[in-house]
Amino acid sequence: QVQLVESGGGLVQPGGSLILSCAASGSIFSINAMGWYRQAPGKQRELVAHITSGGSTNYLDSVKGRFTIARVNAKNTVFLQMSSLKPEDTAVYYCWYAPSKWGKGTLVTVSS
């Protein structure tokens, strides 16, 4: 069994920054990819970023240049550094552990 615990969400003003973190525990294989998805009200869940154990990354086009994903394999932890946040980034952000494990989500609200 795999447990994912996210932290770091909250309210931030447009242009601000937040860092999300996700710690995985249980039956973990550090070779598995990890990442972040998000779901805004009334919209489908979408991939924000993911990272392989080797450090290869993939980003949603709208966050490229603003968000950075990183992981510490030894601690089974993945981070999402979010900068220049926009109101359209408002969503519940979910940690993902390949192939199909999810955290409970953490709310990010970008508003003045």
N, C-alpha and C. Protein backbone atom coordinates (compact mmCIF):
# COMPACT_ATOMS: atom_id res chain seq x y z
N GLN A 1 0.84 -1.20 0.00
CA GLN A 1 0.00 0.00 0.00
C GLN A 1 0.87 1.24 0.00
N VAL A 2 0.47 2.23 -0.78
CA VAL A 2 1.22 3.48 -0.90
C VAL A 2 0.38 4.62 -0.34
N GLN A 3 1.01 5.42 0.49
CA GLN A 3 0.35 6.62 1.00
C GLN A 3 1.11 7.85 0.51
N LEU A 4 0.35 8.84 0.09
CA LEU A 4 0.92 10.10 -0.38
C LEU A 4 0.33 11.23 0.46
N VAL A 5 1.20 12.03 1.03
CA VAL A 5 0.74 13.14 1.86
C VAL A 5 1.28 14.44 1.30
N GLU A 6 0.36 15.30 0.87
CA GLU A 6 0.74 16.59 0.30
C GLU A 6 0.72 17.68 1.36
N SER A 7 1.50 18.71 1.13
CA SER A 7 1.47 19.89 1.98
C SER A 7 1.92 21.09 1.17
N GLY A 8 1.58 22.28 1.68
CA GLY A 8 2.08 23.50 1.06
C GLY A 8 1.06 24.34 0.33
N GLY A 9 -0.16 23.88 0.23
CA GLY A 9 -1.17 24.68 -0.46
C GLY A 9 -1.58 25.88 0.38
N GLY A 10 -2.40 26.74 -0.22
CA GLY A 10 -2.88 27.90 0.51
C GLY A 10 -3.32 29.01 -0.41
N LEU A 11 -3.50 30.17 0.18
CA LEU A 11 -3.93 31.36 -0.57
C LEU A 11 -2.71 32.23 -0.87
N VAL A 12 -2.61 32.64 -2.12
CA VAL A 12 -1.49 33.48 -2.53
C VAL A 12 -2.00 34.52 -3.52
N GLN A 13 -1.37 35.67 -3.53
CA GLN A 13 -1.76 36.72 -4.46
C GLN A 13 -1.20 36.45 -5.85
N PRO A 14 -1.84 36.96 -6.88
CA PRO A 14 -1.27 36.81 -8.23
C PRO A 14 0.16 37.32 -8.27
N GLY A 15 0.98 36.55 -8.95
CA GLY A 15 2.40 36.88 -9.02
C GLY A 15 3.23 36.27 -7.91
N GLY A 16 2.56 35.68 -6.93
CA GLY A 16 3.26 35.09 -5.80
C GLY A 16 3.77 33.70 -6.08
N SER A 17 4.33 33.09 -5.03
CA SER A 17 4.95 31.77 -5.14
C SER A 17 4.49 30.85 -4.03
N LEU A 18 4.50 29.57 -4.32
CA LEU A 18 4.23 28.53 -3.33
C LEU A 18 5.08 27.32 -3.68
N ILE A 19 5.35 26.53 -2.66
CA ILE A 19 6.02 25.24 -2.89
C ILE A 19 5.15 24.15 -2.31
N LEU A 20 4.80 23.19 -3.15
CA LEU A 20 4.07 22.01 -2.70
C LEU A 20 5.06 20.86 -2.49
N SER A 21 4.78 20.05 -1.51
CA SER A 21 5.59 18.86 -1.30
C SER A 21 4.69 17.66 -1.11
N CYS A 22 5.23 16.50 -1.44
CA CYS A 22 4.49 15.25 -1.32
C CYS A 22 5.45 14.17 -0.87
N ALA A 23 5.13 13.56 0.26
CA ALA A 23 5.94 12.47 0.78
C ALA A 23 5.21 11.16 0.57
N ALA A 24 5.91 10.20 -0.02
CA ALA A 24 5.35 8.89 -0.26
C ALA A 24 5.88 7.90 0.76
N SER A 25 5.00 7.01 1.20
CA SER A 25 5.42 5.98 2.15
C SER A 25 4.69 4.69 1.82
N GLY A 26 5.19 3.60 2.40
CA GLY A 26 4.58 2.31 2.15
C GLY A 26 5.41 1.51 1.16
N SER A 27 4.74 0.82 0.27
CA SER A 27 5.42 -0.04 -0.71
C SER A 27 5.92 0.82 -1.88
N ILE A 28 7.02 1.50 -1.61
CA ILE A 28 7.56 2.48 -2.55
C ILE A 28 8.71 1.90 -3.35
N PHE A 29 8.69 2.19 -4.65
CA PHE A 29 9.82 1.90 -5.51
C PHE A 29 10.31 3.23 -6.05
N SER A 30 11.52 3.58 -5.72
CA SER A 30 12.02 4.90 -6.11
C SER A 30 12.16 5.04 -7.62
N ILE A 31 12.04 3.94 -8.37
CA ILE A 31 12.16 4.05 -9.81
C ILE A 31 10.87 4.56 -10.44
N ASN A 32 9.79 4.57 -9.68
CA ASN A 32 8.52 5.01 -10.26
C ASN A 32 8.50 6.51 -10.47
N ALA A 33 7.83 6.91 -11.52
CA ALA A 33 7.63 8.34 -11.76
C ALA A 33 6.69 8.91 -10.71
N MET A 34 6.85 10.19 -10.45
CA MET A 34 5.96 10.91 -9.55
C MET A 34 5.61 12.24 -10.21
N GLY A 35 4.57 12.87 -9.70
CA GLY A 35 4.20 14.13 -10.32
C GLY A 35 3.05 14.81 -9.63
N TRP A 36 2.52 15.81 -10.31
CA TRP A 36 1.41 16.61 -9.82
C TRP A 36 0.37 16.80 -10.90
N TYR A 37 -0.88 16.62 -10.50
CA TYR A 37 -2.02 16.95 -11.34
C TYR A 37 -2.82 18.02 -10.61
N ARG A 38 -3.72 18.65 -11.33
CA ARG A 38 -4.61 19.61 -10.69
C ARG A 38 -6.01 19.53 -11.30
N GLN A 39 -6.96 19.94 -10.49
CA GLN A 39 -8.34 19.97 -10.96
C GLN A 39 -9.01 21.23 -10.45
N ALA A 40 -9.40 22.06 -11.40
CA ALA A 40 -10.12 23.29 -11.07
C ALA A 40 -11.62 23.00 -11.07
N PRO A 41 -12.39 23.81 -10.38
CA PRO A 41 -13.84 23.59 -10.33
C PRO A 41 -14.45 23.51 -11.73
N GLY A 42 -15.21 22.46 -11.97
CA GLY A 42 -15.89 22.29 -13.25
C GLY A 42 -15.00 21.83 -14.38
N LYS A 43 -13.76 21.51 -14.08
CA LYS A 43 -12.83 21.08 -15.13
C LYS A 43 -12.29 19.69 -14.83
N GLN A 44 -11.72 19.08 -15.88
CA GLN A 44 -11.12 17.78 -15.71
C GLN A 44 -9.75 17.89 -15.05
N ARG A 45 -9.36 16.81 -14.41
CA ARG A 45 -8.02 16.77 -13.83
C ARG A 45 -7.00 16.78 -14.96
N GLU A 46 -5.94 17.56 -14.78
CA GLU A 46 -4.91 17.65 -15.81
C GLU A 46 -3.52 17.50 -15.22
N LEU A 47 -2.62 16.98 -16.04
CA LEU A 47 -1.23 16.82 -15.62
C LEU A 47 -0.57 18.19 -15.55
N VAL A 48 0.07 18.48 -14.45
CA VAL A 48 0.83 19.72 -14.31
C VAL A 48 2.30 19.45 -14.62
N ALA A 49 2.84 18.44 -13.99
CA ALA A 49 4.24 18.09 -14.21
C ALA A 49 4.50 16.70 -13.68
N HIS A 50 5.42 15.98 -14.32
CA HIS A 50 5.88 14.74 -13.73
C HIS A 50 7.37 14.59 -13.94
N ILE A 51 7.94 13.73 -13.13
CA ILE A 51 9.38 13.55 -13.13
C ILE A 51 9.71 12.07 -12.92
N THR A 52 10.65 11.58 -13.70
CA THR A 52 11.08 10.19 -13.56
C THR A 52 12.15 10.09 -12.47
N SER A 53 12.51 8.88 -12.13
CA SER A 53 13.54 8.70 -11.12
C SER A 53 14.88 9.24 -11.61
N GLY A 54 15.04 9.27 -12.91
CA GLY A 54 16.28 9.80 -13.47
C GLY A 54 16.29 11.30 -13.64
N GLY A 55 15.16 11.93 -13.34
CA GLY A 55 15.11 13.38 -13.39
C GLY A 55 14.52 13.97 -14.65
N SER A 56 14.06 13.14 -15.57
CA SER A 56 13.41 13.68 -16.77
C SER A 56 12.06 14.26 -16.39
N THR A 57 11.75 15.42 -16.96
CA THR A 57 10.52 16.12 -16.57
C THR A 57 9.63 16.41 -17.77
N ASN A 58 8.37 16.62 -17.46
CA ASN A 58 7.39 16.99 -18.46
C ASN A 58 6.41 17.96 -17.81
N TYR A 59 6.06 19.04 -18.52
CA TYR A 59 5.20 20.07 -17.94
C TYR A 59 4.02 20.39 -18.84
N LEU A 60 2.95 20.79 -18.20
CA LEU A 60 1.82 21.38 -18.90
C LEU A 60 2.30 22.69 -19.54
N ASP A 61 1.90 22.92 -20.78
CA ASP A 61 2.42 24.09 -21.49
C ASP A 61 2.20 25.39 -20.73
N SER A 62 1.07 25.52 -20.10
CA SER A 62 0.74 26.80 -19.45
C SER A 62 1.55 27.08 -18.19
N VAL A 63 2.29 26.09 -17.70
CA VAL A 63 3.10 26.32 -16.50
C VAL A 63 4.59 26.32 -16.79
N LYS A 64 4.96 26.03 -18.02
CA LYS A 64 6.38 26.00 -18.37
C LYS A 64 7.02 27.37 -18.11
N GLY A 65 8.17 27.33 -17.48
CA GLY A 65 8.86 28.57 -17.15
C GLY A 65 8.42 29.18 -15.83
N ARG A 66 7.33 28.67 -15.26
CA ARG A 66 6.83 29.20 -13.98
C ARG A 66 6.90 28.15 -12.87
N PHE A 67 6.70 26.90 -13.22
CA PHE A 67 6.71 25.82 -12.24
C PHE A 67 7.93 24.95 -12.45
N THR A 68 8.44 24.42 -11.36
CA THR A 68 9.56 23.48 -11.42
C THR A 68 9.28 22.30 -10.52
N ILE A 69 9.44 21.11 -11.08
CA ILE A 69 9.26 19.89 -10.31
C ILE A 69 10.62 19.30 -9.98
N ALA A 70 10.72 18.75 -8.78
CA ALA A 70 11.96 18.12 -8.35
C ALA A 70 11.62 16.98 -7.40
N ARG A 71 12.54 16.06 -7.25
CA ARG A 71 12.30 14.96 -6.33
C ARG A 71 13.59 14.59 -5.62
N VAL A 72 13.42 14.03 -4.43
CA VAL A 72 14.53 13.47 -3.67
C VAL A 72 14.23 11.99 -3.52
N ASN A 73 14.88 11.19 -4.33
CA ASN A 73 14.57 9.76 -4.35
C ASN A 73 14.79 9.09 -3.00
N ALA A 74 15.84 9.49 -2.31
CA ALA A 74 16.17 8.86 -1.03
C ALA A 74 15.08 9.09 0.01
N LYS A 75 14.31 10.16 -0.17
CA LYS A 75 13.24 10.48 0.78
C LYS A 75 11.85 10.28 0.18
N ASN A 76 11.81 9.73 -1.04
CA ASN A 76 10.52 9.49 -1.71
C ASN A 76 9.62 10.72 -1.66
N THR A 77 10.21 11.83 -1.96
CA THR A 77 9.51 13.09 -1.88
C THR A 77 9.60 13.84 -3.21
N VAL A 78 8.49 14.46 -3.58
CA VAL A 78 8.47 15.26 -4.79
C VAL A 78 7.98 16.65 -4.44
N PHE A 79 8.54 17.64 -5.10
CA PHE A 79 8.21 19.04 -4.83
C PHE A 79 7.71 19.70 -6.12
N LEU A 80 6.88 20.71 -5.93
CA LEU A 80 6.47 21.54 -7.05
C LEU A 80 6.64 22.99 -6.63
N GLN A 81 7.63 23.65 -7.21
CA GLN A 81 7.83 25.06 -6.94
C GLN A 81 7.04 25.85 -7.97
N MET A 82 6.15 26.69 -7.49
CA MET A 82 5.25 27.46 -8.36
C MET A 82 5.54 28.94 -8.18
N SER A 83 5.84 29.60 -9.28
CA SER A 83 6.13 31.03 -9.25
C SER A 83 5.24 31.75 -10.25
N SER A 84 5.18 33.05 -10.13
CA SER A 84 4.36 33.88 -11.03
C SER A 84 2.95 33.31 -11.15
N LEU A 85 2.39 32.99 -10.02
CA LEU A 85 1.08 32.34 -10.01
C LEU A 85 0.00 33.25 -10.56
N LYS A 86 -0.95 32.62 -11.24
CA LYS A 86 -2.07 33.33 -11.87
C LYS A 86 -3.38 32.81 -11.30
N PRO A 87 -4.42 33.61 -11.36
CA PRO A 87 -5.72 33.13 -10.87
C PRO A 87 -6.14 31.81 -11.52
N GLU A 88 -5.77 31.61 -12.77
CA GLU A 88 -6.15 30.37 -13.46
C GLU A 88 -5.38 29.15 -12.96
N ASP A 89 -4.41 29.35 -12.09
CA ASP A 89 -3.72 28.22 -11.46
C ASP A 89 -4.49 27.71 -10.24
N THR A 90 -5.54 28.41 -9.88
CA THR A 90 -6.36 27.97 -8.74
C THR A 90 -6.95 26.60 -9.01
N ALA A 91 -6.69 25.68 -8.09
CA ALA A 91 -7.15 24.30 -8.26
C ALA A 91 -6.76 23.49 -7.03
N VAL A 92 -7.30 22.30 -6.97
CA VAL A 92 -6.79 21.31 -6.02
C VAL A 92 -5.66 20.56 -6.72
N TYR A 93 -4.52 20.53 -6.08
CA TYR A 93 -3.34 19.89 -6.64
C TYR A 93 -3.16 18.52 -5.98
N TYR A 94 -3.00 17.52 -6.83
CA TYR A 94 -2.89 16.14 -6.36
C TYR A 94 -1.51 15.58 -6.68
N CYS A 95 -0.93 14.98 -5.69
CA CYS A 95 0.31 14.24 -5.89
C CYS A 95 -0.01 12.92 -6.57
N TRP A 96 0.87 12.49 -7.45
CA TRP A 96 0.66 11.24 -8.20
C TRP A 96 1.92 10.40 -8.13
N TYR A 97 1.70 9.10 -7.92
CA TYR A 97 2.79 8.12 -7.91
C TYR A 97 2.41 7.07 -8.92
N ALA A 98 3.28 6.88 -9.89
CA ALA A 98 2.98 5.95 -10.98
C ALA A 98 2.76 4.53 -10.48
N PRO A 99 1.82 3.81 -11.10
CA PRO A 99 1.01 4.29 -12.21
C PRO A 99 -0.31 4.95 -11.80
N SER A 100 -0.80 4.67 -10.60
CA SER A 100 -2.17 5.13 -10.34
C SER A 100 -2.46 5.42 -8.88
N LYS A 101 -1.49 5.89 -8.14
CA LYS A 101 -1.73 6.26 -6.76
C LYS A 101 -1.84 7.78 -6.65
N TRP A 102 -2.77 8.23 -5.81
CA TRP A 102 -3.05 9.65 -5.67
C TRP A 102 -3.08 10.07 -4.21
N GLY A 103 -2.64 11.31 -3.97
CA GLY A 103 -2.84 11.90 -2.67
C GLY A 103 -4.25 12.46 -2.56
N LYS A 104 -4.57 13.02 -1.40
CA LYS A 104 -5.92 13.55 -1.18
C LYS A 104 -6.09 14.94 -1.76
N GLY A 105 -4.99 15.59 -2.08
CA GLY A 105 -5.05 16.90 -2.70
C GLY A 105 -4.83 18.04 -1.72
N THR A 106 -4.31 19.13 -2.24
CA THR A 106 -4.12 20.34 -1.46
C THR A 106 -4.59 21.53 -2.31
N LEU A 107 -5.36 22.40 -1.69
CA LEU A 107 -5.97 23.50 -2.43
C LEU A 107 -4.99 24.66 -2.57
N VAL A 108 -4.86 25.14 -3.80
CA VAL A 108 -4.10 26.35 -4.09
C VAL A 108 -5.07 27.38 -4.65
N THR A 109 -5.13 28.52 -3.99
CA THR A 109 -6.02 29.60 -4.42
C THR A 109 -5.17 30.82 -4.72
N VAL A 110 -5.29 31.31 -5.94
CA VAL A 110 -4.55 32.50 -6.36
C VAL A 110 -5.56 33.63 -6.54
N SER A 111 -5.51 34.57 -5.63
CA SER A 111 -6.51 35.64 -5.64
C SER A 111 -6.00 36.84 -4.87
N SER A 112 -6.44 38.00 -5.30
CA SER A 112 -6.09 39.23 -4.59
C SER A 112 -7.18 39.58 -3.58
